[in-house]
Amino acid sequence: LKKRVVVAAVGFDELMMTMLYWRKPSMVPNFVKRVRDRVVSEALLMAHAITLKDFFLQPVAQRKRKEINMALASRMEFFRWSNSDANFTRRKHTVGKLRKMAKERAHRSAIYRNLKVVAPERRGAVE
């Protein structure tokens, strides 16, 4: 026995027409009906244009998403490495201590406020 497949679907045009002519026609004044005909057809064309625009922009969005994910993946790989590397972790803690000390010093004395603390240069750093 074959199963009958019933698709309960409405076409795009019928959906848009129903949405735009939602009110009962007898309740809409005649002068509004005359003006609405032009507006409805224009709105229908605009809805089609927006649908097509979204369709054509999908590949662009997917490509951008892939580029962003690749950049984030390399950044996450660096963070994982930096958390496991002893030298980098030690430097991070040293810089944090220096910043904390500078903040405390600035809190105690107005002379040291709004100064930027620069971390000491690493020996053998490649620029």
Foldseek 3Di string as FASTA:
>chain_A
DDDDDDDDDDDPVVVLVCVLPVDDVVVDDPVCVVVSVVVSVVVSVVVVVVVVVVVVCVVVVVVVVVVVVVVVVVVVVVVVVLVVDPVSVVQVVVVVVVVVVLVVVCVVDVVSPPDDDDRDDDPPDDD
